[in-house]
């Protein structure tokens, strides 16, 4: 249902002084939504607006998907209560001739070719991916192992990890986060 609102939420009105910030939390029940899955990557568009004196002064649009995942020591990984076997590739975020400035069409091609040979998941190697790549993987139903490899001190490492999780948490394709898969990350100082 293109353009059909399936949920809505409004916060109480409040005033802010110049330079002041405020965190607003709102919860909305999503009933009868189509679940996102690799076989049917159903996406929704969420719009958040700030209205002042009856006029919209800012709007942010985010693409989201609804999933239910579970890791179980007996049955493994499931998505939306269906068992799932990861078949994927580890991909360093670069490409011949362009380095890390990989054009979106190259990432789309890579993802389509991965699907063509039976792949269903993509592990990011060492660096958080471009958000455009995650958008592609959301649309194609490819699960993501999101990773950062920061060999800085623990404070910087945790800040980078927190930033990556916050940035990518609305992507339904992201199922797993990891940081620093190298042995040197475990060694002190």
N, C-alpha and C. Protein backbone atom coordinates (compact mmCIF):
# COMPACT_ATOMS: atom_id res chain seq x y z
N UNK A 1 0.84 -1.19 0.00
CA UNK A 1 0.00 0.00 0.00
C UNK A 1 0.88 1.24 0.00
N UNK A 2 1.31 1.65 -1.16
CA UNK A 2 2.20 2.80 -1.31
C UNK A 2 1.54 4.05 -0.72
N UNK A 3 2.22 4.71 0.20
CA UNK A 3 1.73 5.95 0.77
C UNK A 3 0.69 5.79 1.85
N UNK A 4 0.35 4.56 2.20
CA UNK A 4 -0.66 4.30 3.23
C UNK A 4 0.01 4.29 4.61
N UNK A 5 -0.50 5.11 5.54
CA UNK A 5 0.06 5.14 6.89
C UNK A 5 -0.45 3.94 7.66
N UNK A 6 0.44 3.14 8.25
CA UNK A 6 0.02 1.98 9.01
C UNK A 6 0.19 2.20 10.51
N UNK A 7 0.84 3.30 10.90
CA UNK A 7 1.00 3.64 12.31
C UNK A 7 1.32 5.12 12.42
N UNK A 8 1.01 5.68 13.59
CA UNK A 8 1.26 7.10 13.80
C UNK A 8 1.47 7.35 15.28
N UNK A 9 2.25 8.37 15.58
CA UNK A 9 2.51 8.72 16.97
C UNK A 9 2.79 10.21 17.05
N UNK A 10 2.32 10.85 18.10
CA UNK A 10 2.54 12.29 18.30
C UNK A 10 3.03 12.49 19.73
N UNK A 11 4.01 13.36 19.91
CA UNK A 11 4.50 13.66 21.26
C UNK A 11 3.81 14.92 21.76
N UNK A 12 3.87 15.13 23.07
CA UNK A 12 3.32 16.34 23.66
C UNK A 12 4.12 17.55 23.20
N UNK A 13 3.48 18.67 23.09
CA UNK A 13 4.15 19.91 22.69
C UNK A 13 5.10 20.37 23.81
N UNK A 14 6.18 21.01 23.41
CA UNK A 14 7.13 21.55 24.38
C UNK A 14 7.88 22.70 23.72
N UNK A 15 8.57 23.49 24.53
CA UNK A 15 9.35 24.61 24.00
C UNK A 15 10.82 24.39 24.31
N UNK A 16 11.67 24.88 23.41
CA UNK A 16 13.12 24.81 23.59
C UNK A 16 13.70 26.21 23.51
N UNK A 17 14.64 26.48 24.39
CA UNK A 17 15.38 27.73 24.30
C UNK A 17 16.44 27.58 23.21
N UNK A 18 16.91 28.67 22.69
CA UNK A 18 17.95 28.62 21.66
C UNK A 18 19.15 27.85 22.17
N UNK A 19 19.61 26.88 21.38
CA UNK A 19 20.77 26.07 21.74
C UNK A 19 20.45 24.88 22.64
N UNK A 20 19.24 24.80 23.14
CA UNK A 20 18.85 23.70 24.02
C UNK A 20 18.54 22.44 23.19
N UNK A 21 18.80 21.29 23.77
CA UNK A 21 18.45 20.03 23.11
C UNK A 21 17.51 19.23 24.01
N UNK A 22 16.75 18.36 23.40
CA UNK A 22 15.83 17.51 24.15
C UNK A 22 15.67 16.20 23.40
N UNK A 23 15.68 15.09 24.11
CA UNK A 23 15.45 13.78 23.51
C UNK A 23 13.98 13.43 23.68
N UNK A 24 13.36 13.07 22.57
CA UNK A 24 11.95 12.69 22.58
C UNK A 24 11.87 11.20 22.28
N UNK A 25 11.17 10.46 23.10
CA UNK A 25 10.97 9.04 22.86
C UNK A 25 9.49 8.80 22.61
N UNK A 26 9.23 8.00 21.58
CA UNK A 26 7.86 7.71 21.22
C UNK A 26 7.78 6.24 20.83
N UNK A 27 6.72 5.58 21.23
CA UNK A 27 6.52 4.19 20.87
C UNK A 27 5.23 4.05 20.08
N UNK A 28 5.28 3.22 19.08
CA UNK A 28 4.12 2.95 18.25
C UNK A 28 4.03 1.45 18.00
N UNK A 29 2.86 0.90 18.23
CA UNK A 29 2.65 -0.53 17.95
C UNK A 29 2.46 -0.72 16.45
N UNK A 30 3.17 -1.69 15.90
CA UNK A 30 3.04 -2.02 14.49
C UNK A 30 2.26 -3.31 14.38
N UNK A 31 1.03 -3.20 13.95
CA UNK A 31 0.16 -4.37 13.84
C UNK A 31 0.04 -4.81 12.38
N UNK A 32 0.03 -6.11 12.18
CA UNK A 32 -0.18 -6.69 10.84
C UNK A 32 0.82 -6.18 9.81
N UNK A 33 2.08 -6.06 10.21
CA UNK A 33 3.09 -5.63 9.25
C UNK A 33 3.65 -6.83 8.50
N UNK A 34 4.12 -6.58 7.31
CA UNK A 34 4.80 -7.60 6.52
C UNK A 34 6.24 -7.68 7.06
N UNK A 35 6.68 -8.86 7.43
CA UNK A 35 8.02 -9.02 8.00
C UNK A 35 9.08 -9.01 6.89
N UNK A 36 10.22 -8.40 7.17
CA UNK A 36 11.37 -8.40 6.26
C UNK A 36 12.06 -9.74 6.39
N UNK A 37 12.43 -10.33 5.27
CA UNK A 37 13.20 -11.56 5.29
C UNK A 37 14.02 -11.63 4.00
N UNK A 38 15.03 -12.49 3.96
CA UNK A 38 15.81 -12.63 2.73
C UNK A 38 14.96 -13.05 1.53
N UNK A 39 13.94 -13.84 1.76
CA UNK A 39 13.10 -14.27 0.64
C UNK A 39 12.05 -13.23 0.26
N UNK A 40 11.73 -12.32 1.17
CA UNK A 40 10.77 -11.24 0.91
C UNK A 40 11.20 -10.01 1.70
N UNK A 41 12.11 -9.24 1.14
CA UNK A 41 12.65 -8.07 1.87
C UNK A 41 11.70 -6.86 1.85
N UNK A 42 10.62 -6.97 2.61
CA UNK A 42 9.59 -5.94 2.65
C UNK A 42 10.07 -4.76 3.49
N UNK A 43 10.01 -3.57 2.92
CA UNK A 43 10.50 -2.36 3.59
C UNK A 43 9.37 -1.35 3.79
N UNK A 44 9.51 -0.60 4.87
CA UNK A 44 8.59 0.51 5.16
C UNK A 44 9.39 1.80 5.20
N UNK A 45 8.71 2.90 4.97
CA UNK A 45 9.34 4.22 5.06
C UNK A 45 8.75 4.94 6.26
N UNK A 46 9.62 5.33 7.18
CA UNK A 46 9.20 6.03 8.38
C UNK A 46 9.57 7.51 8.23
N UNK A 47 8.60 8.36 8.50
CA UNK A 47 8.83 9.79 8.40
C UNK A 47 8.66 10.41 9.78
N UNK A 48 9.63 11.20 10.19
CA UNK A 48 9.58 11.91 11.45
C UNK A 48 9.66 13.40 11.14
N UNK A 49 8.71 14.16 11.67
CA UNK A 49 8.67 15.60 11.38
C UNK A 49 8.67 16.41 12.66
N UNK A 50 9.26 17.58 12.58
CA UNK A 50 9.20 18.57 13.66
C UNK A 50 8.28 19.68 13.17
N UNK A 51 7.27 19.96 13.98
CA UNK A 51 6.29 20.97 13.60
C UNK A 51 6.35 22.09 14.63
N UNK A 52 6.54 23.31 14.16
CA UNK A 52 6.58 24.50 15.03
C UNK A 52 5.56 25.50 14.53
N UNK A 53 4.71 25.94 15.41
CA UNK A 53 3.65 26.91 15.07
C UNK A 53 2.82 26.44 13.88
N UNK A 54 2.52 25.15 13.86
CA UNK A 54 1.69 24.60 12.80
C UNK A 54 2.39 24.36 11.48
N UNK A 55 3.69 24.65 11.39
CA UNK A 55 4.44 24.46 10.14
C UNK A 55 5.52 23.40 10.33
N UNK A 56 5.67 22.53 9.33
CA UNK A 56 6.74 21.53 9.37
C UNK A 56 8.07 22.23 9.10
N UNK A 57 8.99 22.13 10.07
CA UNK A 57 10.29 22.79 9.93
C UNK A 57 11.42 21.82 9.63
N UNK A 58 11.20 20.53 9.86
CA UNK A 58 12.22 19.54 9.54
C UNK A 58 11.55 18.18 9.42
N UNK A 59 12.05 17.37 8.50
CA UNK A 59 11.54 16.02 8.29
C UNK A 59 12.71 15.10 7.99
N UNK A 60 12.67 13.91 8.59
CA UNK A 60 13.68 12.88 8.33
C UNK A 60 12.93 11.63 7.90
N UNK A 61 13.38 11.03 6.80
CA UNK A 61 12.79 9.79 6.30
C UNK A 61 13.80 8.65 6.48
N UNK A 62 13.32 7.53 7.01
CA UNK A 62 14.17 6.37 7.25
C UNK A 62 13.45 5.14 6.71
N UNK A 63 14.18 4.28 6.02
CA UNK A 63 13.63 3.02 5.55
C UNK A 63 13.89 1.98 6.63
N UNK A 64 12.85 1.24 7.00
CA UNK A 64 12.97 0.23 8.05
C UNK A 64 12.31 -1.07 7.59
N UNK A 65 12.60 -2.13 8.29
CA UNK A 65 11.96 -3.41 8.07
C UNK A 65 11.73 -4.07 9.42
N UNK A 66 10.68 -4.85 9.53
CA UNK A 66 10.36 -5.53 10.79
C UNK A 66 10.88 -6.97 10.72
N UNK A 67 11.65 -7.37 11.72
CA UNK A 67 12.16 -8.74 11.78
C UNK A 67 12.11 -9.25 13.21
N UNK A 68 12.13 -10.55 13.34
CA UNK A 68 12.32 -11.19 14.64
C UNK A 68 13.44 -12.22 14.44
N UNK A 69 14.53 -12.05 15.18
CA UNK A 69 15.65 -12.98 15.03
C UNK A 69 15.94 -13.67 16.35
N UNK A 70 16.54 -14.84 16.23
CA UNK A 70 16.90 -15.59 17.43
C UNK A 70 18.14 -16.42 17.15
N UNK A 71 19.08 -16.36 18.10
CA UNK A 71 20.24 -17.25 18.09
C UNK A 71 20.01 -18.26 19.20
N UNK A 72 20.06 -19.56 18.87
CA UNK A 72 19.77 -20.60 19.83
C UNK A 72 20.85 -21.67 19.73
N UNK A 73 21.40 -22.08 20.88
CA UNK A 73 22.49 -23.06 20.86
C UNK A 73 22.04 -24.41 20.32
N UNK A 74 20.77 -24.70 20.38
CA UNK A 74 20.27 -26.00 19.89
C UNK A 74 19.85 -25.96 18.42
N UNK A 75 19.23 -24.87 18.03
CA UNK A 75 18.65 -24.82 16.68
C UNK A 75 19.35 -23.84 15.75
N UNK A 76 20.30 -23.06 16.25
CA UNK A 76 21.02 -22.11 15.41
C UNK A 76 20.29 -20.80 15.25
N UNK A 77 20.47 -20.17 14.12
CA UNK A 77 19.90 -18.85 13.85
C UNK A 77 18.56 -19.00 13.13
N UNK A 78 17.60 -18.17 13.53
CA UNK A 78 16.33 -18.13 12.81
C UNK A 78 15.93 -16.68 12.59
N UNK A 79 15.21 -16.46 11.52
CA UNK A 79 14.67 -15.14 11.23
C UNK A 79 13.18 -15.32 10.99
N UNK A 80 12.39 -14.57 11.76
CA UNK A 80 10.93 -14.67 11.72
C UNK A 80 10.48 -16.12 11.94
N UNK A 81 11.12 -16.78 12.89
CA UNK A 81 10.82 -18.15 13.33
C UNK A 81 11.17 -19.22 12.29
N UNK A 82 11.86 -18.85 11.22
CA UNK A 82 12.28 -19.84 10.21
C UNK A 82 13.78 -20.06 10.32
N UNK A 83 14.23 -21.32 10.36
CA UNK A 83 15.68 -21.59 10.41
C UNK A 83 16.37 -20.94 9.21
N UNK A 84 17.58 -20.47 9.45
CA UNK A 84 18.31 -19.78 8.38
C UNK A 84 19.76 -20.24 8.39
N UNK A 85 20.28 -20.59 7.23
CA UNK A 85 21.68 -20.96 7.07
C UNK A 85 22.39 -19.83 6.34
N UNK A 86 23.42 -19.29 6.99
CA UNK A 86 24.21 -18.21 6.39
C UNK A 86 25.09 -18.79 5.28
N UNK A 87 24.97 -18.26 4.07
CA UNK A 87 25.85 -18.62 2.95
C UNK A 87 26.33 -17.31 2.36
N UNK A 88 27.53 -16.93 2.73
CA UNK A 88 27.93 -15.60 2.31
C UNK A 88 29.38 -15.44 1.99
N UNK A 89 29.73 -14.22 1.84
CA UNK A 89 31.06 -13.82 1.42
C UNK A 89 31.59 -12.74 2.33
N UNK A 90 32.89 -12.74 2.51
CA UNK A 90 33.59 -11.68 3.21
C UNK A 90 34.06 -10.70 2.14
N UNK A 91 33.76 -9.45 2.32
CA UNK A 91 34.07 -8.49 1.28
C UNK A 91 34.80 -7.28 1.86
N UNK A 92 36.03 -7.09 1.42
CA UNK A 92 36.75 -5.87 1.79
C UNK A 92 36.13 -4.73 1.00
N UNK A 93 35.93 -3.62 1.65
CA UNK A 93 35.19 -2.51 1.06
C UNK A 93 36.03 -1.70 0.09
N UNK A 94 36.52 -2.38 -0.93
CA UNK A 94 37.28 -1.67 -1.97
C UNK A 94 37.06 -2.38 -3.30
N UNK A 95 37.53 -1.76 -4.37
CA UNK A 95 37.35 -2.34 -5.69
C UNK A 95 38.48 -1.84 -6.58
N UNK A 96 38.95 -2.70 -7.46
CA UNK A 96 40.05 -2.36 -8.35
C UNK A 96 39.78 -1.06 -9.10
N UNK A 97 40.74 -0.18 -9.07
CA UNK A 97 40.66 1.06 -9.83
C UNK A 97 40.02 2.23 -9.10
N UNK A 98 39.23 1.93 -8.04
CA UNK A 98 38.57 3.03 -7.32
C UNK A 98 38.90 3.04 -5.83
N UNK A 99 39.60 2.04 -5.35
CA UNK A 99 39.91 1.97 -3.93
C UNK A 99 38.64 1.79 -3.11
N UNK A 100 38.48 2.60 -2.06
CA UNK A 100 37.30 2.48 -1.21
C UNK A 100 36.14 3.36 -1.67
N UNK A 101 36.34 4.12 -2.74
CA UNK A 101 35.26 4.95 -3.30
C UNK A 101 34.45 4.11 -4.30
N UNK A 102 33.87 3.02 -3.81
CA UNK A 102 33.17 2.08 -4.67
C UNK A 102 31.83 2.68 -5.11
N UNK A 103 31.61 2.79 -6.42
CA UNK A 103 30.33 3.32 -6.90
C UNK A 103 29.17 2.41 -6.49
N UNK A 104 28.01 3.01 -6.26
CA UNK A 104 26.83 2.27 -5.85
C UNK A 104 26.49 1.15 -6.85
N UNK A 105 26.66 1.41 -8.15
CA UNK A 105 26.33 0.40 -9.17
C UNK A 105 27.24 -0.82 -9.07
N UNK A 106 28.49 -0.63 -8.61
CA UNK A 106 29.39 -1.78 -8.42
C UNK A 106 28.91 -2.62 -7.24
N UNK A 107 28.51 -1.96 -6.15
CA UNK A 107 28.00 -2.71 -5.00
C UNK A 107 26.69 -3.43 -5.34
N UNK A 108 25.84 -2.79 -6.14
CA UNK A 108 24.61 -3.44 -6.57
C UNK A 108 24.94 -4.69 -7.40
N UNK A 109 25.88 -4.56 -8.32
CA UNK A 109 26.31 -5.69 -9.14
C UNK A 109 26.86 -6.82 -8.27
N UNK A 110 27.72 -6.48 -7.31
CA UNK A 110 28.29 -7.50 -6.42
C UNK A 110 27.18 -8.25 -5.67
N UNK A 111 26.22 -7.49 -5.15
CA UNK A 111 25.13 -8.10 -4.39
C UNK A 111 24.27 -8.99 -5.28
N UNK A 112 23.98 -8.53 -6.49
CA UNK A 112 23.19 -9.34 -7.41
C UNK A 112 23.92 -10.62 -7.81
N UNK A 113 25.22 -10.53 -8.04
CA UNK A 113 26.00 -11.72 -8.39
C UNK A 113 26.10 -12.68 -7.21
N UNK A 114 26.19 -12.14 -6.00
CA UNK A 114 26.21 -12.99 -4.81
C UNK A 114 24.92 -13.80 -4.73
N UNK A 115 23.79 -13.13 -4.96
CA UNK A 115 22.50 -13.81 -4.94
C UNK A 115 22.41 -14.86 -6.05
N UNK A 116 22.98 -14.53 -7.21
CA UNK A 116 22.91 -15.44 -8.37
C UNK A 116 23.62 -16.76 -8.11
N UNK A 117 24.65 -16.76 -7.25
CA UNK A 117 25.37 -18.01 -6.95
C UNK A 117 24.93 -18.61 -5.61
N UNK A 118 23.80 -18.14 -5.06
CA UNK A 118 23.24 -18.73 -3.85
C UNK A 118 23.64 -18.07 -2.55
N UNK A 119 24.36 -16.95 -2.62
CA UNK A 119 24.74 -16.24 -1.40
C UNK A 119 23.57 -15.50 -0.80
N UNK A 120 23.56 -15.41 0.55
CA UNK A 120 22.47 -14.71 1.22
C UNK A 120 22.97 -13.80 2.34
N UNK A 121 24.30 -13.68 2.47
CA UNK A 121 24.84 -12.85 3.54
C UNK A 121 26.20 -12.26 3.14
N UNK A 122 26.50 -11.11 3.73
CA UNK A 122 27.69 -10.35 3.38
C UNK A 122 28.36 -9.90 4.67
N UNK A 123 29.59 -10.31 4.87
CA UNK A 123 30.36 -9.84 6.02
C UNK A 123 31.22 -8.67 5.58
N UNK A 124 31.05 -7.56 6.26
CA UNK A 124 31.88 -6.38 5.99
C UNK A 124 33.24 -6.64 6.61
N UNK A 125 34.28 -6.37 5.88
CA UNK A 125 35.61 -6.63 6.41
C UNK A 125 36.26 -5.37 6.93
N UNK A 126 36.35 -5.32 8.22
CA UNK A 126 37.16 -4.35 8.94
C UNK A 126 36.62 -2.94 9.04
N UNK A 127 35.67 -2.55 8.19
CA UNK A 127 35.20 -1.17 8.22
C UNK A 127 33.69 -1.12 8.06
N UNK A 128 33.03 -0.22 8.76
CA UNK A 128 31.60 -0.06 8.53
C UNK A 128 31.36 0.31 7.06
N UNK A 129 30.34 -0.27 6.45
CA UNK A 129 30.09 -0.02 5.04
C UNK A 129 29.44 1.34 4.80
N UNK A 130 29.44 1.75 3.55
CA UNK A 130 28.68 2.94 3.16
C UNK A 130 27.21 2.64 3.39
N UNK A 131 26.45 3.61 3.85
CA UNK A 131 25.03 3.38 4.10
C UNK A 131 24.29 3.02 2.81
N UNK A 132 24.79 3.49 1.67
CA UNK A 132 24.17 3.14 0.39
C UNK A 132 24.26 1.63 0.13
N UNK A 133 25.36 1.02 0.55
CA UNK A 133 25.49 -0.43 0.40
C UNK A 133 24.47 -1.15 1.28
N UNK A 134 24.30 -0.68 2.52
CA UNK A 134 23.30 -1.30 3.38
C UNK A 134 21.90 -1.13 2.80
N UNK A 135 21.62 0.00 2.17
CA UNK A 135 20.32 0.19 1.51
C UNK A 135 20.11 -0.85 0.43
N UNK A 136 21.14 -1.11 -0.36
CA UNK A 136 21.07 -2.13 -1.42
C UNK A 136 20.79 -3.50 -0.81
N UNK A 137 21.51 -3.85 0.24
CA UNK A 137 21.36 -5.17 0.87
C UNK A 137 19.99 -5.31 1.54
N UNK A 138 19.47 -4.21 2.10
CA UNK A 138 18.10 -4.21 2.63
C UNK A 138 17.11 -4.56 1.53
N UNK A 139 17.26 -3.90 0.37
CA UNK A 139 16.31 -4.10 -0.74
C UNK A 139 16.41 -5.51 -1.34
N UNK A 140 17.62 -6.08 -1.37
CA UNK A 140 17.81 -7.39 -1.99
C UNK A 140 17.65 -8.57 -1.02
N UNK A 141 17.49 -8.28 0.26
CA UNK A 141 17.30 -9.36 1.23
C UNK A 141 18.57 -10.12 1.56
N UNK A 142 19.69 -9.42 1.64
CA UNK A 142 20.97 -10.03 1.98
C UNK A 142 21.33 -9.65 3.41
N UNK A 143 21.54 -10.66 4.26
CA UNK A 143 21.89 -10.39 5.65
C UNK A 143 23.31 -9.85 5.77
N UNK A 144 23.54 -9.02 6.80
CA UNK A 144 24.81 -8.33 6.96
C UNK A 144 25.43 -8.64 8.32
N UNK A 145 26.75 -8.90 8.27
CA UNK A 145 27.59 -8.97 9.45
C UNK A 145 28.37 -7.67 9.41
N UNK A 146 27.96 -6.71 10.22
CA UNK A 146 28.53 -5.36 10.23
C UNK A 146 29.76 -5.36 11.13
N UNK A 147 30.84 -4.76 10.67
CA UNK A 147 32.09 -4.86 11.42
C UNK A 147 32.89 -3.56 11.39
N UNK A 148 33.58 -3.33 12.48
CA UNK A 148 34.59 -2.28 12.52
C UNK A 148 35.87 -2.89 13.09
N UNK A 149 36.97 -2.41 12.64
CA UNK A 149 38.27 -2.91 13.10
C UNK A 149 39.09 -1.71 13.53
N UNK A 150 39.00 -1.41 14.78
CA UNK A 150 39.67 -0.24 15.33
C UNK A 150 40.69 -0.73 16.35
N UNK A 151 41.94 -0.44 16.10
CA UNK A 151 42.97 -0.91 17.03
C UNK A 151 43.39 0.18 18.00
N UNK A 152 42.46 1.11 18.24
CA UNK A 152 42.74 2.19 19.20
C UNK A 152 42.52 1.66 20.62
N UNK A 153 42.63 2.57 21.58
CA UNK A 153 42.39 2.16 22.97
C UNK A 153 40.92 1.78 23.14
N UNK A 154 40.62 1.14 24.25
CA UNK A 154 39.27 0.63 24.47
C UNK A 154 38.20 1.72 24.45
N UNK A 155 38.52 2.92 24.92
CA UNK A 155 37.55 4.01 24.92
C UNK A 155 37.16 4.38 23.49
N UNK A 156 38.15 4.53 22.62
CA UNK A 156 37.88 4.88 21.22
C UNK A 156 37.18 3.73 20.52
N UNK A 157 37.59 2.51 20.80
CA UNK A 157 36.99 1.33 20.19
C UNK A 157 35.50 1.25 20.53
N UNK A 158 35.18 1.42 21.79
CA UNK A 158 33.77 1.35 22.20
C UNK A 158 32.97 2.51 21.62
N UNK A 159 33.55 3.68 21.52
CA UNK A 159 32.86 4.83 20.91
C UNK A 159 32.57 4.56 19.43
N UNK A 160 33.55 3.99 18.72
CA UNK A 160 33.34 3.66 17.31
C UNK A 160 32.28 2.59 17.15
N UNK A 161 32.30 1.58 18.00
CA UNK A 161 31.32 0.51 17.93
C UNK A 161 29.91 1.06 18.20
N UNK A 162 29.79 1.89 19.23
CA UNK A 162 28.50 2.49 19.57
C UNK A 162 27.98 3.32 18.39
N UNK A 163 28.87 4.08 17.78
CA UNK A 163 28.49 4.91 16.63
C UNK A 163 27.99 4.04 15.47
N UNK A 164 28.69 2.95 15.19
CA UNK A 164 28.30 2.06 14.09
C UNK A 164 26.94 1.43 14.35
N UNK A 165 26.72 0.95 15.56
CA UNK A 165 25.44 0.32 15.89
C UNK A 165 24.31 1.34 15.78
N UNK A 166 24.50 2.54 16.31
CA UNK A 166 23.46 3.57 16.21
C UNK A 166 23.18 3.94 14.76
N UNK A 167 24.22 4.05 13.96
CA UNK A 167 24.04 4.43 12.56
C UNK A 167 23.28 3.37 11.78
N UNK A 168 23.56 2.09 12.04
CA UNK A 168 23.04 1.01 11.19
C UNK A 168 21.87 0.24 11.78
N UNK A 169 21.40 0.61 12.95
CA UNK A 169 20.39 -0.20 13.65
C UNK A 169 19.04 -0.27 12.96
N UNK A 170 18.71 0.67 12.10
CA UNK A 170 17.42 0.62 11.40
C UNK A 170 17.46 -0.19 10.12
N UNK A 171 18.62 -0.71 9.76
CA UNK A 171 18.72 -1.55 8.55
C UNK A 171 18.31 -2.98 8.91
N UNK A 172 17.21 -3.47 8.33
CA UNK A 172 16.77 -4.82 8.68
C UNK A 172 17.74 -5.91 8.25
N UNK A 173 18.62 -5.60 7.30
CA UNK A 173 19.58 -6.60 6.84
C UNK A 173 20.69 -6.85 7.87
N UNK A 174 20.96 -5.89 8.75
CA UNK A 174 22.05 -6.03 9.72
C UNK A 174 21.59 -6.95 10.85
N UNK A 175 22.23 -8.11 10.92
CA UNK A 175 21.87 -9.13 11.90
C UNK A 175 22.95 -9.34 12.96
N UNK A 176 24.15 -8.84 12.69
CA UNK A 176 25.26 -9.14 13.58
C UNK A 176 26.26 -8.00 13.52
N UNK A 177 26.79 -7.61 14.66
CA UNK A 177 27.85 -6.61 14.73
C UNK A 177 29.09 -7.26 15.34
N UNK A 178 30.24 -6.92 14.82
CA UNK A 178 31.48 -7.39 15.43
C UNK A 178 32.52 -6.28 15.37
N UNK A 179 33.50 -6.41 16.24
CA UNK A 179 34.57 -5.43 16.16
C UNK A 179 35.91 -6.12 16.38
N UNK A 180 36.81 -5.74 15.52
CA UNK A 180 38.19 -6.15 15.59
C UNK A 180 38.38 -7.66 15.62
N UNK A 181 38.42 -8.24 14.43
CA UNK A 181 38.60 -9.69 14.31
C UNK A 181 40.07 -10.10 14.23
N UNK A 182 40.96 -9.20 14.54
CA UNK A 182 42.39 -9.48 14.48
C UNK A 182 42.93 -9.77 15.88
N UNK A 183 43.90 -10.65 15.96
CA UNK A 183 44.50 -11.01 17.25
C UNK A 183 45.08 -9.79 17.96
N UNK A 184 45.64 -8.87 17.20
CA UNK A 184 46.28 -7.70 17.82
C UNK A 184 45.28 -6.85 18.58
N UNK A 185 43.99 -6.98 18.31
CA UNK A 185 42.97 -6.22 19.04
C UNK A 185 42.85 -6.72 20.48
N UNK A 186 43.20 -7.95 20.71
CA UNK A 186 43.08 -8.54 22.04
C UNK A 186 44.29 -8.30 22.91
N UNK A 187 45.37 -7.84 22.29
CA UNK A 187 46.61 -7.64 23.04
C UNK A 187 46.58 -6.29 23.74
N UNK A 188 47.04 -6.22 24.98
CA UNK A 188 47.03 -4.95 25.70
C UNK A 188 47.95 -3.91 25.06
N UNK A 189 47.47 -2.64 25.15
CA UNK A 189 48.19 -1.45 24.78
C UNK A 189 49.00 -1.46 23.60
